[in-house]
Amino acid sequence: MLAVNLGGEGEVSDVINQQGPWALTPNWRSSRAGKTLHHLANDGHVFLIGLNITLPFPDDTVDLIYTNSVPIDLNSLLGPGVQSSEVRRILRLGGQWIRDGVLEWTKA
């Protein structure tokens, strides 16, 4: 099962945590723990650095997507937020999008 957390408030264990390139800057800290990317990786979190406009996953490949306190289809100070069209593109049939702890959408 392939599960992805698309940035936002806190990392999710046992999934790929995607962050934008800003997470590579020395001043970046996670919003909950205040840890650097290096510290979070040492804690066992897996990261993928990429932009929200075009997520680096093939079509119909992800089983579960988490978004927690992430701007959806909006711009923030760090750039474009997660695009709902990208979430829909990368989810496989039957895949689910969990937004802020609630099921947002299931791809049918």
N, C-alpha and C. Protein backbone atom coordinates (compact mmCIF):
# COMPACT_ATOMS: atom_id res chain seq x y z
N MET A 1 0.86 -1.19 0.00
CA MET A 1 0.00 0.00 0.00
C MET A 1 0.89 1.24 0.00
N LEU A 2 0.60 2.17 -0.87
CA LEU A 2 1.36 3.42 -0.96
C LEU A 2 0.52 4.53 -0.36
N ALA A 3 1.06 5.14 0.71
CA ALA A 3 0.37 6.24 1.39
C ALA A 3 1.30 7.45 1.42
N VAL A 4 0.69 8.64 1.25
CA VAL A 4 1.46 9.88 1.15
C VAL A 4 0.80 10.94 2.03
N ASN A 5 1.63 11.70 2.74
CA ASN A 5 1.19 12.87 3.48
C ASN A 5 1.69 14.09 2.72
N LEU A 6 0.79 14.92 2.24
CA LEU A 6 1.16 16.07 1.42
C LEU A 6 1.34 17.31 2.28
N GLY A 7 2.47 17.38 2.98
CA GLY A 7 2.84 18.55 3.76
C GLY A 7 1.86 18.88 4.87
N GLY A 8 1.94 20.09 5.33
CA GLY A 8 0.98 20.54 6.34
C GLY A 8 1.45 20.36 7.77
N GLU A 9 0.50 20.23 8.67
CA GLU A 9 0.76 20.19 10.10
C GLU A 9 1.18 18.81 10.57
N GLY A 10 2.45 18.58 10.65
CA GLY A 10 2.95 17.36 11.23
C GLY A 10 3.17 16.24 10.23
N GLU A 11 4.17 15.46 10.53
CA GLU A 11 4.52 14.32 9.69
C GLU A 11 3.69 13.11 10.12
N VAL A 12 3.49 12.20 9.20
CA VAL A 12 2.73 10.98 9.46
C VAL A 12 3.72 9.82 9.41
N SER A 13 3.72 8.97 10.42
CA SER A 13 4.61 7.82 10.45
C SER A 13 4.20 6.79 9.40
N ASP A 14 5.18 6.07 8.90
CA ASP A 14 4.97 4.95 7.99
C ASP A 14 4.36 5.33 6.65
N VAL A 15 4.51 6.58 6.23
CA VAL A 15 4.08 7.03 4.91
C VAL A 15 5.18 7.91 4.32
N ILE A 16 5.07 8.24 3.04
CA ILE A 16 5.96 9.22 2.43
C ILE A 16 5.43 10.60 2.76
N ASN A 17 6.25 11.42 3.38
CA ASN A 17 5.88 12.79 3.72
C ASN A 17 6.46 13.73 2.67
N GLN A 18 5.60 14.37 1.90
CA GLN A 18 6.04 15.28 0.85
C GLN A 18 6.11 16.69 1.43
N GLN A 19 7.18 17.38 1.13
CA GLN A 19 7.35 18.78 1.49
C GLN A 19 7.90 19.52 0.28
N GLY A 20 7.67 20.81 0.25
CA GLY A 20 8.23 21.64 -0.81
C GLY A 20 9.71 21.89 -0.59
N PRO A 21 10.37 22.49 -1.57
CA PRO A 21 11.81 22.76 -1.49
C PRO A 21 12.21 23.62 -0.29
N TRP A 22 11.27 24.38 0.24
CA TRP A 22 11.55 25.23 1.40
C TRP A 22 12.00 24.41 2.60
N ALA A 23 11.62 23.13 2.66
CA ALA A 23 12.02 22.28 3.79
C ALA A 23 13.52 22.01 3.79
N LEU A 24 14.21 22.29 2.69
CA LEU A 24 15.66 22.09 2.61
C LEU A 24 16.44 23.28 3.14
N THR A 25 15.78 24.40 3.41
CA THR A 25 16.49 25.57 3.91
C THR A 25 16.86 25.38 5.38
N PRO A 26 17.97 25.97 5.81
CA PRO A 26 18.43 25.77 7.19
C PRO A 26 17.43 26.25 8.26
N ASN A 27 16.61 27.21 7.93
CA ASN A 27 15.67 27.76 8.92
C ASN A 27 14.34 27.01 9.01
N TRP A 28 14.09 26.05 8.10
CA TRP A 28 12.81 25.33 8.13
C TRP A 28 12.73 24.43 9.34
N ARG A 29 11.57 24.44 9.98
CA ARG A 29 11.28 23.56 11.11
C ARG A 29 9.88 23.01 10.93
N SER A 30 9.67 21.78 11.37
CA SER A 30 8.32 21.21 11.31
C SER A 30 7.41 22.00 12.22
N SER A 31 6.15 22.08 11.84
CA SER A 31 5.21 22.93 12.57
C SER A 31 4.87 22.40 13.95
N ARG A 32 4.86 21.09 14.13
CA ARG A 32 4.49 20.53 15.43
C ARG A 32 5.68 20.32 16.34
N ALA A 33 6.73 19.69 15.84
CA ALA A 33 7.86 19.32 16.69
C ALA A 33 8.98 20.36 16.67
N GLY A 34 8.95 21.25 15.68
CA GLY A 34 10.01 22.26 15.58
C GLY A 34 11.35 21.67 15.18
N LYS A 35 11.34 20.48 14.56
CA LYS A 35 12.57 19.80 14.17
C LYS A 35 12.91 20.10 12.72
N THR A 36 14.20 20.01 12.42
CA THR A 36 14.64 20.17 11.04
C THR A 36 14.31 18.91 10.25
N LEU A 37 14.41 19.00 8.95
CA LEU A 37 14.19 17.85 8.08
C LEU A 37 15.16 16.72 8.44
N HIS A 38 16.40 17.07 8.71
CA HIS A 38 17.41 16.09 9.08
C HIS A 38 17.01 15.35 10.36
N HIS A 39 16.56 16.09 11.38
CA HIS A 39 16.13 15.44 12.63
C HIS A 39 14.93 14.54 12.41
N LEU A 40 13.98 14.99 11.62
CA LEU A 40 12.79 14.17 11.35
C LEU A 40 13.16 12.90 10.59
N ALA A 41 14.08 13.01 9.64
CA ALA A 41 14.54 11.83 8.91
C ALA A 41 15.26 10.86 9.86
N ASN A 42 16.05 11.40 10.78
CA ASN A 42 16.72 10.56 11.78
C ASN A 42 15.72 9.87 12.70
N ASP A 43 14.55 10.48 12.89
CA ASP A 43 13.49 9.87 13.70
C ASP A 43 12.74 8.78 12.94
N GLY A 44 13.07 8.60 11.65
CA GLY A 44 12.46 7.54 10.86
C GLY A 44 11.42 7.98 9.85
N HIS A 45 11.16 9.27 9.76
CA HIS A 45 10.21 9.75 8.76
C HIS A 45 10.87 9.75 7.38
N VAL A 46 10.10 9.38 6.38
CA VAL A 46 10.57 9.34 5.00
C VAL A 46 10.03 10.57 4.29
N PHE A 47 10.89 11.29 3.57
CA PHE A 47 10.48 12.51 2.89
C PHE A 47 10.74 12.45 1.40
N LEU A 48 9.89 13.16 0.69
CA LEU A 48 10.04 13.41 -0.73
C LEU A 48 9.90 14.91 -0.90
N ILE A 49 10.87 15.54 -1.53
CA ILE A 49 10.82 16.98 -1.74
C ILE A 49 10.31 17.23 -3.16
N GLY A 50 9.24 18.02 -3.27
CA GLY A 50 8.68 18.32 -4.58
C GLY A 50 7.64 19.42 -4.48
N LEU A 51 7.28 19.94 -5.61
CA LEU A 51 6.30 21.02 -5.67
C LEU A 51 4.88 20.46 -5.65
N ASN A 52 3.95 21.26 -5.16
CA ASN A 52 2.55 20.86 -5.06
C ASN A 52 1.81 20.93 -6.39
N ILE A 53 2.33 21.67 -7.34
CA ILE A 53 1.65 21.86 -8.62
C ILE A 53 1.58 20.56 -9.40
N THR A 54 2.71 19.85 -9.48
CA THR A 54 2.77 18.56 -10.16
C THR A 54 3.43 17.58 -9.21
N LEU A 55 2.63 16.77 -8.55
CA LEU A 55 3.17 15.81 -7.59
C LEU A 55 3.95 14.72 -8.32
N PRO A 56 5.09 14.30 -7.77
CA PRO A 56 5.98 13.36 -8.47
C PRO A 56 5.56 11.89 -8.33
N PHE A 57 4.31 11.61 -8.65
CA PHE A 57 3.79 10.24 -8.62
C PHE A 57 3.06 9.98 -9.93
N PRO A 58 3.18 8.76 -10.46
CA PRO A 58 2.42 8.43 -11.67
C PRO A 58 0.92 8.42 -11.40
N ASP A 59 0.15 8.54 -12.45
CA ASP A 59 -1.32 8.48 -12.35
C ASP A 59 -1.74 7.16 -11.68
N ASP A 60 -2.79 7.25 -10.87
CA ASP A 60 -3.46 6.06 -10.32
C ASP A 60 -2.53 5.12 -9.57
N THR A 61 -1.66 5.65 -8.70
CA THR A 61 -0.71 4.79 -7.99
C THR A 61 -0.78 4.87 -6.47
N VAL A 62 -1.42 5.89 -5.92
CA VAL A 62 -1.41 6.09 -4.47
C VAL A 62 -2.72 5.58 -3.87
N ASP A 63 -2.59 4.83 -2.78
CA ASP A 63 -3.76 4.25 -2.11
C ASP A 63 -4.41 5.21 -1.11
N LEU A 64 -3.60 6.02 -0.44
CA LEU A 64 -4.10 6.86 0.64
C LEU A 64 -3.31 8.16 0.68
N ILE A 65 -4.03 9.28 0.71
CA ILE A 65 -3.41 10.60 0.79
C ILE A 65 -3.94 11.32 2.03
N TYR A 66 -3.00 11.89 2.80
CA TYR A 66 -3.34 12.73 3.94
C TYR A 66 -3.00 14.17 3.62
N THR A 67 -3.88 15.08 3.97
CA THR A 67 -3.57 16.51 3.97
C THR A 67 -4.07 17.06 5.30
N ASN A 68 -3.18 17.66 6.06
CA ASN A 68 -3.53 18.20 7.37
C ASN A 68 -3.15 19.68 7.44
N SER A 69 -4.17 20.52 7.53
CA SER A 69 -3.96 21.97 7.58
C SER A 69 -3.11 22.45 6.41
N VAL A 70 -3.43 21.96 5.23
CA VAL A 70 -2.72 22.32 4.01
C VAL A 70 -3.64 23.17 3.15
N PRO A 71 -3.12 24.27 2.59
CA PRO A 71 -3.96 25.01 1.64
C PRO A 71 -4.23 24.16 0.40
N ILE A 72 -5.49 24.02 0.05
CA ILE A 72 -5.88 23.24 -1.12
C ILE A 72 -6.36 24.22 -2.19
N ASP A 73 -5.74 24.14 -3.36
CA ASP A 73 -6.09 25.00 -4.50
C ASP A 73 -5.95 26.48 -4.19
N LEU A 74 -5.05 26.81 -3.25
CA LEU A 74 -4.79 28.20 -2.87
C LEU A 74 -3.29 28.43 -2.82
N ASN A 75 -2.88 29.68 -2.85
CA ASN A 75 -1.48 30.03 -2.66
C ASN A 75 -1.25 30.42 -1.21
N SER A 76 -0.06 30.10 -0.70
CA SER A 76 0.35 30.51 0.63
C SER A 76 1.64 31.31 0.51
N LEU A 77 2.21 31.70 1.62
CA LEU A 77 3.48 32.43 1.58
C LEU A 77 4.59 31.59 0.95
N LEU A 78 4.46 30.26 1.02
CA LEU A 78 5.49 29.38 0.47
C LEU A 78 5.22 28.98 -0.97
N GLY A 79 4.11 29.45 -1.54
CA GLY A 79 3.79 29.12 -2.93
C GLY A 79 2.46 28.40 -3.03
N PRO A 80 2.22 27.76 -4.17
CA PRO A 80 0.94 27.08 -4.39
C PRO A 80 0.73 25.93 -3.39
N GLY A 81 -0.49 25.84 -2.91
CA GLY A 81 -0.85 24.73 -2.04
C GLY A 81 -1.09 23.47 -2.86
N VAL A 82 -1.50 22.43 -2.17
CA VAL A 82 -1.80 21.17 -2.84
C VAL A 82 -2.96 21.38 -3.80
N GLN A 83 -2.83 20.83 -4.98
CA GLN A 83 -3.87 20.95 -6.00
C GLN A 83 -4.79 19.73 -5.94
N SER A 84 -6.08 19.96 -5.77
CA SER A 84 -7.02 18.83 -5.69
C SER A 84 -6.99 18.00 -6.97
N SER A 85 -6.69 18.63 -8.11
CA SER A 85 -6.60 17.89 -9.36
C SER A 85 -5.44 16.88 -9.31
N GLU A 86 -4.36 17.23 -8.63
CA GLU A 86 -3.24 16.32 -8.48
C GLU A 86 -3.58 15.16 -7.54
N VAL A 87 -4.31 15.45 -6.46
CA VAL A 87 -4.76 14.40 -5.55
C VAL A 87 -5.60 13.40 -6.33
N ARG A 88 -6.53 13.90 -7.12
CA ARG A 88 -7.41 13.02 -7.90
C ARG A 88 -6.63 12.25 -8.96
N ARG A 89 -5.62 12.86 -9.52
CA ARG A 89 -4.82 12.21 -10.56
C ARG A 89 -4.02 11.03 -10.00
N ILE A 90 -3.37 11.20 -8.86
CA ILE A 90 -2.47 10.16 -8.36
C ILE A 90 -3.16 9.06 -7.56
N LEU A 91 -4.39 9.32 -7.07
CA LEU A 91 -5.10 8.26 -6.35
C LEU A 91 -5.50 7.14 -7.30
N ARG A 92 -5.34 5.91 -6.86
CA ARG A 92 -5.80 4.76 -7.64
C ARG A 92 -7.30 4.58 -7.39
N LEU A 93 -7.97 3.76 -8.19
CA LEU A 93 -9.38 3.46 -7.97
C LEU A 93 -9.55 2.86 -6.58
N GLY A 94 -10.49 3.38 -5.83
CA GLY A 94 -10.70 2.95 -4.45
C GLY A 94 -9.83 3.67 -3.45
N GLY A 95 -8.85 4.47 -3.95
CA GLY A 95 -7.97 5.23 -3.06
C GLY A 95 -8.73 6.33 -2.34
N GLN A 96 -8.24 6.70 -1.17
CA GLN A 96 -8.94 7.68 -0.34
C GLN A 96 -8.06 8.87 -0.01
N TRP A 97 -8.72 10.03 0.09
CA TRP A 97 -8.10 11.28 0.50
C TRP A 97 -8.67 11.63 1.86
N ILE A 98 -7.78 11.68 2.87
CA ILE A 98 -8.16 12.06 4.23
C ILE A 98 -7.70 13.50 4.45
N ARG A 99 -8.64 14.40 4.62
CA ARG A 99 -8.33 15.83 4.79
C ARG A 99 -8.68 16.24 6.21
N ASP A 100 -7.67 16.67 6.95
CA ASP A 100 -7.84 17.10 8.35
C ASP A 100 -8.57 16.03 9.17
N GLY A 101 -8.19 14.77 8.96
CA GLY A 101 -8.73 13.67 9.74
C GLY A 101 -10.08 13.13 9.31
N VAL A 102 -10.63 13.68 8.22
CA VAL A 102 -11.96 13.27 7.75
C VAL A 102 -11.86 12.82 6.30
N LEU A 103 -12.56 11.76 5.95
CA LEU A 103 -12.56 11.31 4.56
C LEU A 103 -13.15 12.39 3.66
N GLU A 104 -12.32 12.89 2.75
CA GLU A 104 -12.74 13.95 1.82
C GLU A 104 -13.30 13.35 0.53
N TRP A 105 -12.65 12.27 0.04
CA TRP A 105 -13.03 11.75 -1.27
C TRP A 105 -12.48 10.36 -1.46
N THR A 106 -13.23 9.51 -2.13
CA THR A 106 -12.79 8.18 -2.54
C THR A 106 -12.89 8.13 -4.06
N LYS A 107 -11.82 7.69 -4.72
CA LYS A 107 -11.83 7.64 -6.18
C LYS A 107 -12.59 6.40 -6.63
N ALA A 108 -13.68 6.66 -7.38
CA ALA A 108 -14.51 5.56 -7.86
C ALA A 108 -14.38 5.38 -9.36
